[in-house]
């Protein structure tokens, strides 16, 4: 099991699948060494995906200010003037394009679970 996102090298990886049930979102990533890692978001307020390219990094933005994050925060708080603070996890490709963005409540954490090497 990985302790944090900084323990994982996402370069040359790929998002394999994702599932969402209520506020729980699980994203499965195949790492460069064929190890599968599940990322579990417990308070996923919103998600955007447009799977293009290979995954290069997961960038964490506290107090996220992207248009998508601002809209998600305003929807949750019911107020666009003073939206709730949120954190965005941006999955980016080698060209720094956002492939997927997950917006969670401020203070919500992501857990990482290794499922081991992908069987051929």
PDB file of N, CA and C in Angstrom:
ATOM      1  N   UNK A   1       0.843  -1.184   0.000  1.00  0.00           N
ATOM      2  CA  UNK A   1       0.000   0.000   0.000  1.00  0.00           C
ATOM      3  C   UNK A   1       0.883   1.240   0.000  1.00  0.00           C
ATOM      4  N   UNK A   2       0.497   2.213  -0.779  1.00  0.00           N
ATOM      5  CA  UNK A   2       1.225   3.463  -0.849  1.00  0.00           C
ATOM      6  C   UNK A   2       0.706   4.401   0.232  1.00  0.00           C
ATOM      7  N   UNK A   3       1.607   5.181   0.813  1.00  0.00           N
ATOM      8  CA  UNK A   3       1.224   6.113   1.866  1.00  0.00           C
ATOM      9  C   UNK A   3       0.597   7.384   1.314  1.00  0.00           C
ATOM     10  N   UNK A   4       1.092   7.863   0.162  1.00  0.00           N
ATOM     11  CA  UNK A   4       0.565   9.102  -0.404  1.00  0.00           C
ATOM     12  C   UNK A   4       0.791   9.119  -1.911  1.00  0.00           C
ATOM     13  N   UNK A   5       0.179  10.088  -2.566  1.00  0.00           N
ATOM     14  CA  UNK A   5       0.350  10.216  -4.013  1.00  0.00           C
ATOM     15  C   UNK A   5       1.803  10.424  -4.403  1.00  0.00           C
ATOM     16  N   UNK A   6       2.564  11.079  -3.533  1.00  0.00           N
ATOM     17  CA  UNK A   6       3.970  11.343  -3.860  1.00  0.00           C
ATOM     18  C   UNK A   6       4.808  10.065  -3.882  1.00  0.00           C
ATOM     19  N   UNK A   7       4.279   8.962  -3.356  1.00  0.00           N
ATOM     20  CA  UNK A   7       4.991   7.682  -3.388  1.00  0.00           C
ATOM     21  C   UNK A   7       4.825   6.954  -4.723  1.00  0.00           C
ATOM     22  N   UNK A   8       3.969   7.460  -5.599  1.00  0.00           N
ATOM     23  CA  UNK A   8       3.623   6.771  -6.837  1.00  0.00           C
ATOM     24  C   UNK A   8       4.139   7.559  -8.041  1.00  0.00           C
ATOM     25  N   UNK A   9       4.795   6.858  -8.970  1.00  0.00           N
ATOM     26  CA  UNK A   9       5.205   7.480 -10.225  1.00  0.00           C
ATOM     27  C   UNK A   9       4.131   7.179 -11.268  1.00  0.00           C
ATOM     28  N   UNK A  10       3.415   8.219 -11.685  1.00  0.00           N
ATOM     29  CA  UNK A  10       2.337   8.042 -12.658  1.00  0.00           C
ATOM     30  C   UNK A  10       2.807   8.173 -14.102  1.00  0.00           C
ATOM     31  N   UNK A  11       4.064   8.542 -14.306  1.00  0.00           N
ATOM     32  CA  UNK A  11       4.579   8.702 -15.655  1.00  0.00           C
ATOM     33  C   UNK A  11       4.428   7.400 -16.436  1.00  0.00           C
ATOM     34  N   UNK A  12       3.954   7.486 -17.683  1.00  0.00           N
ATOM     35  CA  UNK A  12       3.773   6.336 -18.571  1.00  0.00           C
ATOM     36  C   UNK A  12       2.770   5.336 -18.005  1.00  0.00           C
ATOM     37  N   UNK A  13       1.711   5.859 -17.388  1.00  0.00           N
ATOM     38  CA  UNK A  13       0.654   5.026 -16.815  1.00  0.00           C
ATOM     39  C   UNK A  13      -0.644   5.251 -17.581  1.00  0.00           C
ATOM     40  N   UNK A  14      -1.705   4.558 -17.175  1.00  0.00           N
ATOM     41  CA  UNK A  14      -2.996   4.717 -17.847  1.00  0.00           C
ATOM     42  C   UNK A  14      -4.127   4.497 -16.858  1.00  0.00           C
ATOM     43  N   UNK A  15      -5.184   5.287 -17.003  1.00  0.00           N
ATOM     44  CA  UNK A  15      -6.407   5.047 -16.235  1.00  0.00           C
ATOM     45  C   UNK A  15      -7.110   3.874 -16.897  1.00  0.00           C
ATOM     46  N   UNK A  16      -7.372   2.820 -16.117  1.00  0.00           N
ATOM     47  CA  UNK A  16      -7.993   1.615 -16.650  1.00  0.00           C
ATOM     48  C   UNK A  16      -9.512   1.696 -16.537  1.00  0.00           C
ATOM     49  N   UNK A  17      -9.992   2.156 -15.386  1.00  0.00           N
ATOM     50  CA  UNK A  17     -11.434   2.233 -15.172  1.00  0.00           C
ATOM     51  C   UNK A  17     -11.732   3.139 -13.988  1.00  0.00           C
ATOM     52  N   UNK A  18     -13.008   3.485 -13.867  1.00  0.00           N
ATOM     53  CA  UNK A  18     -13.456   4.216 -12.688  1.00  0.00           C
ATOM     54  C   UNK A  18     -14.914   3.874 -12.425  1.00  0.00           C
ATOM     55  N   UNK A  19     -15.296   3.919 -11.157  1.00  0.00           N
ATOM     56  CA  UNK A  19     -16.682   3.684 -10.752  1.00  0.00           C
ATOM     57  C   UNK A  19     -17.047   4.710  -9.699  1.00  0.00           C
ATOM     58  N   UNK A  20     -18.317   5.122  -9.720  1.00  0.00           N
ATOM     59  CA  UNK A  20     -18.789   6.095  -8.744  1.00  0.00           C
ATOM     60  C   UNK A  20     -20.098   5.602  -8.159  1.00  0.00           C
ATOM     61  N   UNK A  21     -20.137   5.564  -6.830  1.00  0.00           N
ATOM     62  CA  UNK A  21     -21.353   5.201  -6.108  1.00  0.00           C
ATOM     63  C   UNK A  21     -21.567   6.258  -5.038  1.00  0.00           C
ATOM     64  N   UNK A  22     -22.592   7.072  -5.213  1.00  0.00           N
ATOM     65  CA  UNK A  22     -22.803   8.174  -4.284  1.00  0.00           C
ATOM     66  C   UNK A  22     -21.621   9.123  -4.348  1.00  0.00           C
ATOM     67  N   UNK A  23     -21.027   9.412  -3.191  1.00  0.00           N
ATOM     68  CA  UNK A  23     -19.861  10.295  -3.147  1.00  0.00           C
ATOM     69  C   UNK A  23     -18.542   9.534  -3.222  1.00  0.00           C
ATOM     70  N   UNK A  24     -18.597   8.214  -3.311  1.00  0.00           N
ATOM     71  CA  UNK A  24     -17.367   7.406  -3.368  1.00  0.00           C
ATOM     72  C   UNK A  24     -16.982   7.162  -4.827  1.00  0.00           C
ATOM     73  N   UNK A  25     -15.760   7.542  -5.174  1.00  0.00           N
ATOM     74  CA  UNK A  25     -15.232   7.335  -6.521  1.00  0.00           C
ATOM     75  C   UNK A  25     -13.973   6.490  -6.417  1.00  0.00           C
ATOM     76  N   UNK A  26     -13.890   5.457  -7.240  1.00  0.00           N
ATOM     77  CA  UNK A  26     -12.688   4.626  -7.314  1.00  0.00           C
ATOM     78  C   UNK A  26     -12.137   4.703  -8.733  1.00  0.00           C
ATOM     79  N   UNK A  27     -10.837   4.982  -8.832  1.00  0.00           N
ATOM     80  CA  UNK A  27     -10.151   5.068 -10.123  1.00  0.00           C
ATOM     81  C   UNK A  27      -9.031   4.034 -10.103  1.00  0.00           C
ATOM     82  N   UNK A  28      -9.011   3.163 -11.099  1.00  0.00           N
ATOM     83  CA  UNK A  28      -7.950   2.161 -11.210  1.00  0.00           C
ATOM     84  C   UNK A  28      -6.952   2.621 -12.257  1.00  0.00           C
ATOM     85  N   UNK A  29      -5.668   2.639 -11.856  1.00  0.00           N
ATOM     86  CA  UNK A  29      -4.585   3.083 -12.724  1.00  0.00           C
ATOM     87  C   UNK A  29      -3.596   1.938 -12.910  1.00  0.00           C
ATOM     88  N   UNK A  30      -3.194   1.700 -14.189  1.00  0.00           N
ATOM     89  CA  UNK A  30      -2.111   0.749 -14.471  1.00  0.00           C
ATOM     90  C   UNK A  30      -0.838   1.558 -14.549  1.00  0.00           C
ATOM     91  N   UNK A  31       0.065   1.311 -13.602  1.00  0.00           N
ATOM     92  CA  UNK A  31       1.322   2.046 -13.563  1.00  0.00           C
ATOM     93  C   UNK A  31       2.272   1.552 -14.650  1.00  0.00           C
ATOM     94  N   UNK A  32       3.347   2.263 -14.837  1.00  0.00           N
ATOM     95  CA  UNK A  32       4.355   1.961 -15.861  1.00  0.00           C
ATOM     96  C   UNK A  32       4.898   0.542 -15.736  1.00  0.00           C
ATOM     97  N   UNK A  33       4.893  -0.032 -14.514  1.00  0.00           N
ATOM     98  CA  UNK A  33       5.445  -1.371 -14.287  1.00  0.00           C
ATOM     99  C   UNK A  33       4.360  -2.440 -14.229  1.00  0.00           C
ATOM    100  N   UNK A  34       3.173  -2.137 -14.776  1.00  0.00           N
ATOM    101  CA  UNK A  34       2.018  -3.039 -14.830  1.00  0.00           C
ATOM    102  C   UNK A  34       1.401  -3.350 -13.478  1.00  0.00           C
ATOM    103  N   UNK A  35       1.696  -2.560 -12.471  1.00  0.00           N
ATOM    104  CA  UNK A  35       1.030  -2.699 -11.169  1.00  0.00           C
ATOM    105  C   UNK A  35      -0.271  -1.905 -11.226  1.00  0.00           C
ATOM    106  N   UNK A  36      -1.351  -2.517 -10.738  1.00  0.00           N
ATOM    107  CA  UNK A  36      -2.639  -1.834 -10.666  1.00  0.00           C
ATOM    108  C   UNK A  36      -2.785  -1.162  -9.302  1.00  0.00           C
ATOM    109  N   UNK A  37      -3.197   0.088  -9.320  1.00  0.00           N
ATOM    110  CA  UNK A  37      -3.415   0.842  -8.086  1.00  0.00           C
ATOM    111  C   UNK A  37      -4.829   1.401  -8.119  1.00  0.00           C
ATOM    112  N   UNK A  38      -5.563   1.180  -7.043  1.00  0.00           N
ATOM    113  CA  UNK A  38      -6.894   1.766  -6.894  1.00  0.00           C
ATOM    114  C   UNK A  38      -6.779   3.032  -6.067  1.00  0.00           C
ATOM    115  N   UNK A  39      -7.356   4.097  -6.571  1.00  0.00           N
ATOM    116  CA  UNK A  39      -7.405   5.365  -5.846  1.00  0.00           C
ATOM    117  C   UNK A  39      -8.853   5.549  -5.409  1.00  0.00           C
ATOM    118  N   UNK A  40      -9.068   5.674  -4.098  1.00  0.00           N
ATOM    119  CA  UNK A  40     -10.418   5.805  -3.555  1.00  0.00           C
ATOM    120  C   UNK A  40     -10.622   7.217  -3.016  1.00  0.00           C
ATOM    121  N   UNK A  41     -11.585   7.913  -3.576  1.00  0.00           N
ATOM    122  CA  UNK A  41     -11.969   9.247  -3.129  1.00  0.00           C
ATOM    123  C   UNK A  41     -13.272   9.096  -2.349  1.00  0.00           C
ATOM    124  N   UNK A  42     -13.272   9.465  -1.074  1.00  0.00           N
ATOM    125  CA  UNK A  42     -14.445   9.255  -0.235  1.00  0.00           C
ATOM    126  C   UNK A  42     -15.510  10.337  -0.389  1.00  0.00           C
ATOM    127  N   UNK A  43     -15.123  11.529  -0.771  1.00  0.00           N
ATOM    128  CA  UNK A  43     -16.074  12.629  -0.883  1.00  0.00           C
ATOM    129  C   UNK A  43     -15.910  13.313  -2.246  1.00  0.00           C
ATOM    130  N   UNK A  44     -16.138  12.537  -3.302  1.00  0.00           N
ATOM    131  CA  UNK A  44     -16.005  13.075  -4.660  1.00  0.00           C
ATOM    132  C   UNK A  44     -17.258  13.874  -5.003  1.00  0.00           C
ATOM    133  N   UNK A  45     -17.108  15.183  -5.040  1.00  0.00           N
ATOM    134  CA  UNK A  45     -18.241  16.066  -5.298  1.00  0.00           C
ATOM    135  C   UNK A  45     -18.562  16.147  -6.783  1.00  0.00           C
ATOM    136  N   UNK A  46     -17.538  16.068  -7.620  1.00  0.00           N
ATOM    137  CA  UNK A  46     -17.731  16.144  -9.066  1.00  0.00           C
ATOM    138  C   UNK A  46     -16.549  15.500  -9.766  1.00  0.00           C
ATOM    139  N   UNK A  47     -16.801  15.035 -11.002  1.00  0.00           N
ATOM    140  CA  UNK A  47     -15.740  14.416 -11.787  1.00  0.00           C
ATOM    141  C   UNK A  47     -15.939  14.776 -13.250  1.00  0.00           C
ATOM    142  N   UNK A  48     -14.840  15.067 -13.919  1.00  0.00           N
ATOM    143  CA  UNK A  48     -14.823  15.347 -15.358  1.00  0.00           C
ATOM    144  C   UNK A  48     -13.799  14.417 -15.960  1.00  0.00           C
ATOM    145  N   UNK A  49     -14.108  13.795 -17.086  1.00  0.00           N
ATOM    146  CA  UNK A  49     -13.107  12.968 -17.765  1.00  0.00           C
ATOM    147  C   UNK A  49     -13.259  13.072 -19.267  1.00  0.00           C
ATOM    148  N   UNK A  50     -12.101  13.065 -19.932  1.00  0.00           N
ATOM    149  CA  UNK A  50     -12.065  13.058 -21.401  1.00  0.00           C
ATOM    150  C   UNK A  50     -10.829  12.286 -21.845  1.00  0.00           C
ATOM    151  N   UNK A  51     -10.676  11.097 -21.369  1.00  0.00           N
ATOM    152  CA  UNK A  51      -9.509  10.236 -21.556  1.00  0.00           C
ATOM    153  C   UNK A  51      -8.767  10.441 -22.872  1.00  0.00           C
ATOM    154  N   UNK A  52      -7.727  11.255 -22.835  1.00  0.00           N
ATOM    155  CA  UNK A  52      -6.880  11.452 -24.010  1.00  0.00           C
ATOM    156  C   UNK A  52      -5.429  11.249 -23.599  1.00  0.00           C
ATOM    157  N   UNK A  53      -4.705  10.461 -24.335  1.00  0.00           N
ATOM    158  CA  UNK A  53      -3.279  10.292 -24.063  1.00  0.00           C
ATOM    159  C   UNK A  53      -2.963   9.417 -22.868  1.00  0.00           C
ATOM    160  N   UNK A  54      -1.675   9.253 -22.640  1.00  0.00           N
ATOM    161  CA  UNK A  54      -1.195   8.470 -21.507  1.00  0.00           C
ATOM    162  C   UNK A  54      -1.095   9.357 -20.281  1.00  0.00           C
ATOM    163  N   UNK A  55      -1.369   8.777 -19.140  1.00  0.00           N
ATOM    164  CA  UNK A  55      -1.288   9.498 -17.876  1.00  0.00           C
ATOM    165  C   UNK A  55       0.178   9.796 -17.557  1.00  0.00           C
ATOM    166  N   UNK A  56       0.442  11.027 -17.134  1.00  0.00           N
ATOM    167  CA  UNK A  56       1.801  11.417 -16.776  1.00  0.00           C
ATOM    168  C   UNK A  56       1.911  11.809 -15.311  1.00  0.00           C
ATOM    169  N   UNK A  57       0.860  12.412 -14.738  1.00  0.00           N
ATOM    170  CA  UNK A  57       0.936  12.869 -13.348  1.00  0.00           C
ATOM    171  C   UNK A  57      -0.464  13.082 -12.791  1.00  0.00           C
ATOM    172  N   UNK A  58      -0.545  13.074 -11.469  1.00  0.00           N
ATOM    173  CA  UNK A  58      -1.759  13.490 -10.765  1.00  0.00           C
ATOM    174  C   UNK A  58      -1.355  14.709  -9.952  1.00  0.00           C
ATOM    175  N   UNK A  59      -1.950  15.844 -10.285  1.00  0.00           N
ATOM    176  CA  UNK A  59      -1.605  17.115  -9.656  1.00  0.00           C
ATOM    177  C   UNK A  59      -2.705  17.476  -8.657  1.00  0.00           C
ATOM    178  N   UNK A  60      -2.304  17.761  -7.419  1.00  0.00           N
ATOM    179  CA  UNK A  60      -3.264  18.108  -6.365  1.00  0.00           C
ATOM    180  C   UNK A  60      -3.283  19.626  -6.203  1.00  0.00           C
ATOM    181  N   UNK A  61      -4.473  20.197  -6.241  1.00  0.00           N
ATOM    182  CA  UNK A  61      -4.642  21.642  -6.062  1.00  0.00           C
ATOM    183  C   UNK A  61      -5.564  21.898  -4.872  1.00  0.00           C
ATOM    184  N   UNK A  62      -4.974  22.342  -3.756  1.00  0.00           N
ATOM    185  CA  UNK A  62      -5.776  22.772  -2.607  1.00  0.00           C
ATOM    186  C   UNK A  62      -6.460  24.081  -2.975  1.00  0.00           C
ATOM    187  N   UNK A  63      -7.626  24.347  -2.419  1.00  0.00           N
ATOM    188  CA  UNK A  63      -8.378  25.574  -2.732  1.00  0.00           C
ATOM    189  C   UNK A  63      -8.441  25.785  -4.247  1.00  0.00           C
ATOM    190  N   UNK A  64      -8.867  24.746  -4.943  1.00  0.00           N
ATOM    191  CA  UNK A  64      -8.877  24.728  -6.404  1.00  0.00           C
ATOM    192  C   UNK A  64      -9.690  25.879  -6.973  1.00  0.00           C
ATOM    193  N   UNK A  65      -9.190  26.434  -8.074  1.00  0.00           N
ATOM    194  CA  UNK A  65      -9.847  27.586  -8.690  1.00  0.00           C
ATOM    195  C   UNK A  65     -10.179  27.379 -10.163  1.00  0.00           C
ATOM    196  N   UNK A  66     -10.017  26.164 -10.685  1.00  0.00           N
ATOM    197  CA  UNK A  66     -10.403  25.943 -12.080  1.00  0.00           C
ATOM    198  C   UNK A  66     -11.903  26.193 -12.211  1.00  0.00           C
ATOM    199  N   UNK A  67     -12.348  26.484 -13.407  1.00  0.00           N
ATOM    200  CA  UNK A  67     -13.776  26.737 -13.644  1.00  0.00           C
ATOM    201  C   UNK A  67     -14.611  25.553 -13.176  1.00  0.00           C
ATOM    202  N   UNK A  68     -14.158  24.340 -13.488  1.00  0.00           N
ATOM    203  CA  UNK A  68     -14.885  23.131 -13.088  1.00  0.00           C
ATOM    204  C   UNK A  68     -14.972  23.026 -11.565  1.00  0.00           C
ATOM    205  N   UNK A  69     -13.854  23.253 -10.876  1.00  0.00           N
ATOM    206  CA  UNK A  69     -13.835  23.176  -9.404  1.00  0.00           C
ATOM    207  C   UNK A  69     -14.719  24.255  -8.783  1.00  0.00           C
ATOM    208  N   UNK A  70     -14.679  25.457  -9.339  1.00  0.00           N
ATOM    209  CA  UNK A  70     -15.516  26.543  -8.808  1.00  0.00           C
ATOM    210  C   UNK A  70     -17.001  26.226  -8.950  1.00  0.00           C
ATOM    211  N   UNK A  71     -17.387  25.661 -10.086  1.00  0.00           N
ATOM    212  CA  UNK A  71     -18.800  25.292 -10.280  1.00  0.00           C
ATOM    213  C   UNK A  71     -19.218  24.189  -9.310  1.00  0.00           C
ATOM    214  N   UNK A  72     -18.344  23.194  -9.118  1.00  0.00           N
ATOM    215  CA  UNK A  72     -18.658  22.106  -8.188  1.00  0.00           C
ATOM    216  C   UNK A  72     -18.801  22.645  -6.771  1.00  0.00           C
ATOM    217  N   UNK A  73     -17.909  23.540  -6.366  1.00  0.00           N
ATOM    218  CA  UNK A  73     -17.970  24.125  -5.017  1.00  0.00           C
ATOM    219  C   UNK A  73     -19.230  24.956  -4.838  1.00  0.00           C
ATOM    220  N   UNK A  74     -19.603  25.712  -5.861  1.00  0.00           N
ATOM    221  CA  UNK A  74     -20.824  26.527  -5.789  1.00  0.00           C
ATOM    222  C   UNK A  74     -22.061  25.644  -5.714  1.00  0.00           C
ATOM    223  N   UNK A  75     -22.074  24.531  -6.459  1.00  0.00           N
ATOM    224  CA  UNK A  75     -23.206  23.605  -6.403  1.00  0.00           C
ATOM    225  C   UNK A  75     -23.377  23.018  -5.015  1.00  0.00           C
ATOM    226  N   UNK A  76     -22.260  22.664  -4.379  1.00  0.00           N
ATOM    227  CA  UNK A  76     -22.313  22.058  -3.044  1.00  0.00           C
ATOM    228  C   UNK A  76     -22.765  23.070  -1.999  1.00  0.00           C
ATOM    229  N   UNK A  77     -22.212  24.281  -2.066  1.00  0.00           N
ATOM    230  CA  UNK A  77     -22.521  25.288  -1.052  1.00  0.00           C
ATOM    231  C   UNK A  77     -23.837  26.001  -1.323  1.00  0.00           C
ATOM    232  N   UNK A  78     -24.301  25.938  -2.585  1.00  0.00           N
ATOM    233  CA  UNK A  78     -25.513  26.650  -2.946  1.00  0.00           C
ATOM    234  C   UNK A  78     -25.299  28.141  -3.119  1.00  0.00           C
ATOM    235  N   UNK A  79     -24.032  28.551  -3.145  1.00  0.00           N
ATOM    236  CA  UNK A  79     -23.715  29.976  -3.239  1.00  0.00           C
ATOM    237  C   UNK A  79     -22.494  30.169  -4.123  1.00  0.00           C
ATOM    238  N   UNK A  80     -22.675  30.880  -5.230  1.00  0.00           N
ATOM    239  CA  UNK A  80     -21.534  31.110  -6.108  1.00  0.00           C
ATOM    240  C   UNK A  80     -20.662  32.262  -5.619  1.00  0.00           C
ATOM    241  N   UNK A  81     -21.198  33.094  -4.716  1.00  0.00           N
ATOM    242  CA  UNK A  81     -20.416  34.223  -4.191  1.00  0.00           C
ATOM    243  C   UNK A  81     -19.320  33.770  -3.237  1.00  0.00           C
ATOM    244  N   UNK A  82     -19.640  32.813  -2.369  1.00  0.00           N
ATOM    245  CA  UNK A  82     -18.660  32.282  -1.413  1.00  0.00           C
ATOM    246  C   UNK A  82     -18.756  30.763  -1.383  1.00  0.00           C
ATOM    247  N   UNK A  83     -18.226  30.104  -2.424  1.00  0.00           N
ATOM    248  CA  UNK A  83     -18.320  28.644  -2.469  1.00  0.00           C
ATOM    249  C   UNK A  83     -17.421  27.991  -1.416  1.00  0.00           C
ATOM    250  N   UNK A  84     -17.778  26.774  -1.056  1.00  0.00           N
ATOM    251  CA  UNK A  84     -16.980  25.984  -0.124  1.00  0.00           C
ATOM    252  C   UNK A  84     -15.594  25.735  -0.723  1.00  0.00           C
ATOM    253  N   UNK A  85     -14.544  25.728   0.102  1.00  0.00           N
ATOM    254  CA  UNK A  85     -13.215  25.382  -0.433  1.00  0.00           C
ATOM    255  C   UNK A  85     -13.176  23.903  -0.829  1.00  0.00           C
ATOM    256  N   UNK A  86     -12.532  23.625  -1.940  1.00  0.00           N
ATOM    257  CA  UNK A  86     -12.434  22.260  -2.442  1.00  0.00           C
ATOM    258  C   UNK A  86     -11.000  21.968  -2.869  1.00  0.00           C
ATOM    259  N   UNK A  87     -10.701  20.688  -3.023  1.00  0.00           N
ATOM    260  CA  UNK A  87      -9.411  20.240  -3.543  1.00  0.00           C
ATOM    261  C   UNK A  87      -9.669  19.523  -4.862  1.00  0.00           C
ATOM    262  N   UNK A  88      -8.828  19.781  -5.849  1.00  0.00           N
ATOM    263  CA  UNK A  88      -8.961  19.119  -7.145  1.00  0.00           C
ATOM    264  C   UNK A  88      -7.770  18.203  -7.381  1.00  0.00           C
ATOM    265  N   UNK A  89      -8.054  17.017  -7.854  1.00  0.00           N
ATOM    266  CA  UNK A  89      -7.033  16.062  -8.289  1.00  0.00           C
ATOM    267  C   UNK A  89      -7.125  16.042  -9.806  1.00  0.00           C
ATOM    268  N   UNK A  90      -6.078  16.553 -10.470  1.00  0.00           N
ATOM    269  CA  UNK A  90      -6.072  16.648 -11.927  1.00  0.00           C
ATOM    270  C   UNK A  90      -5.141  15.585 -12.496  1.00  0.00           C
ATOM    271  N   UNK A  91      -5.703  14.677 -13.290  1.00  0.00           N
ATOM    272  CA  UNK A  91      -4.944  13.645 -13.980  1.00  0.00           C
ATOM    273  C   UNK A  91      -4.532  14.259 -15.311  1.00  0.00           C
ATOM    274  N   UNK A  92      -3.241  14.425 -15.532  1.00  0.00           N
ATOM    275  CA  UNK A  92      -2.771  15.092 -16.743  1.00  0.00           C
ATOM    276  C   UNK A  92      -1.934  14.151 -17.603  1.00  0.00           C
ATOM    277  N   UNK A  93      -1.970  14.406 -18.912  1.00  0.00           N
ATOM    278  CA  UNK A  93      -1.190  13.579 -19.831  1.00  0.00           C
ATOM    279  C   UNK A  93       0.183  14.216 -20.067  1.00  0.00           C
ATOM    280  N   UNK A  94       0.959  13.612 -20.932  1.00  0.00           N
ATOM    281  CA  UNK A  94       2.329  14.082 -21.172  1.00  0.00           C
ATOM    282  C   UNK A  94       2.378  15.481 -21.775  1.00  0.00           C
ATOM    283  N   UNK A  95       1.275  15.930 -22.353  1.00  0.00           N
ATOM    284  CA  UNK A  95       1.194  17.283 -22.910  1.00  0.00           C
ATOM    285  C   UNK A  95       0.538  18.260 -21.939  1.00  0.00           C
ATOM    286  N   UNK A  96       0.407  17.834 -20.702  1.00  0.00           N
ATOM    287  CA  UNK A  96      -0.181  18.630 -19.617  1.00  0.00           C
ATOM    288  C   UNK A  96      -1.652  18.964 -19.833  1.00  0.00           C
ATOM    289  N   UNK A  97      -2.333  18.156 -20.648  1.00  0.00           N
ATOM    290  CA  UNK A  97      -3.781  18.306 -20.821  1.00  0.00           C
ATOM    291  C   UNK A  97      -4.479  17.533 -19.709  1.00  0.00           C
ATOM    292  N   UNK A  98      -5.563  18.084 -19.200  1.00  0.00           N
ATOM    293  CA  UNK A  98      -6.320  17.419 -18.139  1.00  0.00           C
ATOM    294  C   UNK A  98      -7.152  16.304 -18.753  1.00  0.00           C
ATOM    295  N   UNK A  99      -6.902  15.073 -18.305  1.00  0.00           N
ATOM    296  CA  UNK A  99      -7.646  13.900 -18.764  1.00  0.00           C
ATOM    297  C   UNK A  99      -8.855  13.655 -17.872  1.00  0.00           C
ATOM    298  N   UNK A 100      -8.664  13.949 -16.586  1.00  0.00           N
ATOM    299  CA  UNK A 100      -9.702  13.716 -15.598  1.00  0.00           C
ATOM    300  C   UNK A 100      -9.461  14.698 -14.462  1.00  0.00           C
ATOM    301  N   UNK A 101     -10.531  15.232 -13.923  1.00  0.00           N
ATOM    302  CA  UNK A 101     -10.416  16.091 -12.751  1.00  0.00           C
ATOM    303  C   UNK A 101     -11.444  15.612 -11.741  1.00  0.00           C
ATOM    304  N   UNK A 102     -11.000  15.391 -10.512  1.00  0.00           N
ATOM    305  CA  UNK A 102     -11.870  14.966  -9.427  1.00  0.00           C
ATOM    306  C   UNK A 102     -11.851  16.064  -8.379  1.00  0.00           C
ATOM    307  N   UNK A 103     -13.027  16.556  -8.021  1.00  0.00           N
ATOM    308  CA  UNK A 103     -13.144  17.615  -7.017  1.00  0.00           C
ATOM    309  C   UNK A 103     -13.712  16.992  -5.748  1.00  0.00           C
ATOM    310  N   UNK A 104     -12.989  17.199  -4.646  1.00  0.00           N
ATOM    311  CA  UNK A 104     -13.414  16.657  -3.351  1.00  0.00           C
ATOM    312  C   UNK A 104     -13.531  17.791  -2.350  1.00  0.00           C
ATOM    313  N   UNK A 105     -14.258  17.533  -1.255  1.00  0.00           N
ATOM    314  CA  UNK A 105     -14.364  18.522  -0.198  1.00  0.00           C
ATOM    315  C   UNK A 105     -13.007  18.775   0.435  1.00  0.00           C
ATOM    316  N   UNK A 106     -12.800  19.992   0.893  1.00  0.00           N
ATOM    317  CA  UNK A 106     -11.537  20.352   1.543  1.00  0.00           C
ATOM    318  C   UNK A 106     -11.300  19.408   2.718  1.00  0.00           C
ATOM    319  N   UNK A 107     -10.106  18.858   2.810  1.00  0.00           N
ATOM    320  CA  UNK A 107      -9.761  17.940   3.894  1.00  0.00           C
ATOM    321  C   UNK A 107     -10.055  16.487   3.579  1.00  0.00           C
ATOM    322  N   UNK A 108     -10.794  16.222   2.525  1.00  0.00           N
ATOM    323  CA  UNK A 108     -11.060  14.843   2.128  1.00  0.00           C
ATOM    324  C   UNK A 108      -9.768  14.241   1.582  1.00  0.00           C
ATOM    325  N   UNK A 109      -9.490  13.020   1.914  1.00  0.00           N
ATOM    326  CA  UNK A 109      -8.246  12.375   1.491  1.00  0.00           C
ATOM    327  C   UNK A 109      -8.524  11.292   0.459  1.00  0.00           C
ATOM    328  N   UNK A 110      -7.488  10.940  -0.239  1.00  0.00           N
ATOM    329  CA  UNK A 110      -7.552   9.827  -1.182  1.00  0.00           C
ATOM    330  C   UNK A 110      -6.732   8.686  -0.607  1.00  0.00           C
ATOM    331  N   UNK A 111      -7.256   7.475  -0.717  1.00  0.00           N
ATOM    332  CA  UNK A 111      -6.478   6.313  -0.275  1.00  0.00           C
ATOM    333  C   UNK A 111      -6.034   5.540  -1.511  1.00  0.00           C
ATOM    334  N   UNK A 112      -4.857   4.963  -1.412  1.00  0.00           N
ATOM    335  CA  UNK A 112      -4.258   4.207  -2.507  1.00  0.00           C
ATOM    336  C   UNK A 112      -4.069   2.763  -2.080  1.00  0.00           C
ATOM    337  N   UNK A 113      -4.521   1.836  -2.924  1.00  0.00           N
ATOM    338  CA  UNK A 113      -4.377   0.418  -2.621  1.00  0.00           C
ATOM    339  C   UNK A 113      -3.804  -0.272  -3.842  1.00  0.00           C
ATOM    340  N   UNK A 114      -2.663  -0.931  -3.664  1.00  0.00           N
ATOM    341  CA  UNK A 114      -2.046  -1.672  -4.758  1.00  0.00           C
ATOM    342  C   UNK A 114      -2.715  -3.026  -4.889  1.00  0.00           C
ATOM    343  N   UNK A 115      -3.092  -3.386  -6.113  1.00  0.00           N
ATOM    344  CA  UNK A 115      -3.677  -4.708  -6.370  1.00  0.00           C
ATOM    345  C   UNK A 115      -2.654  -5.668  -6.939  1.00  0.00           C
ATOM    346  N   UNK A 116      -1.398  -5.250  -7.007  1.00  0.00           N
ATOM    347  CA  UNK A 116      -0.347  -6.107  -7.528  1.00  0.00           C
ATOM    348  C   UNK A 116      -0.199  -5.988  -9.025  1.00  0.00           C
ATOM    349  N   UNK A 117       0.666  -6.824  -9.561  1.00  0.00           N
ATOM    350  CA  UNK A 117       1.012  -6.771 -10.980  1.00  0.00           C
ATOM    351  C   UNK A 117      -0.135  -7.342 -11.832  1.00  0.00           C
ATOM    352  N   UNK A 118      -0.383  -6.688 -12.962  1.00  0.00           N
ATOM    353  CA  UNK A 118      -1.388  -7.105 -13.920  1.00  0.00           C
ATOM    354  C   UNK A 118      -0.969  -8.436 -14.517  1.00  0.00           C
ATOM    355  N   UNK A 119      -1.894  -9.386 -14.533  1.00  0.00           N
ATOM    356  CA  UNK A 119      -1.610 -10.712 -15.111  1.00  0.00           C
ATOM    357  C   UNK A 119      -1.697 -10.639 -16.624  1.00  0.00           C
ATOM    358  N   UNK A 120      -0.777 -11.298 -17.304  1.00  0.00           N
ATOM    359  CA  UNK A 120      -0.771 -11.296 -18.781  1.00  0.00           C
ATOM    360  C   UNK A 120      -1.806 -12.232 -19.331  1.00  0.00           C
TER     361      UNK A 120
END
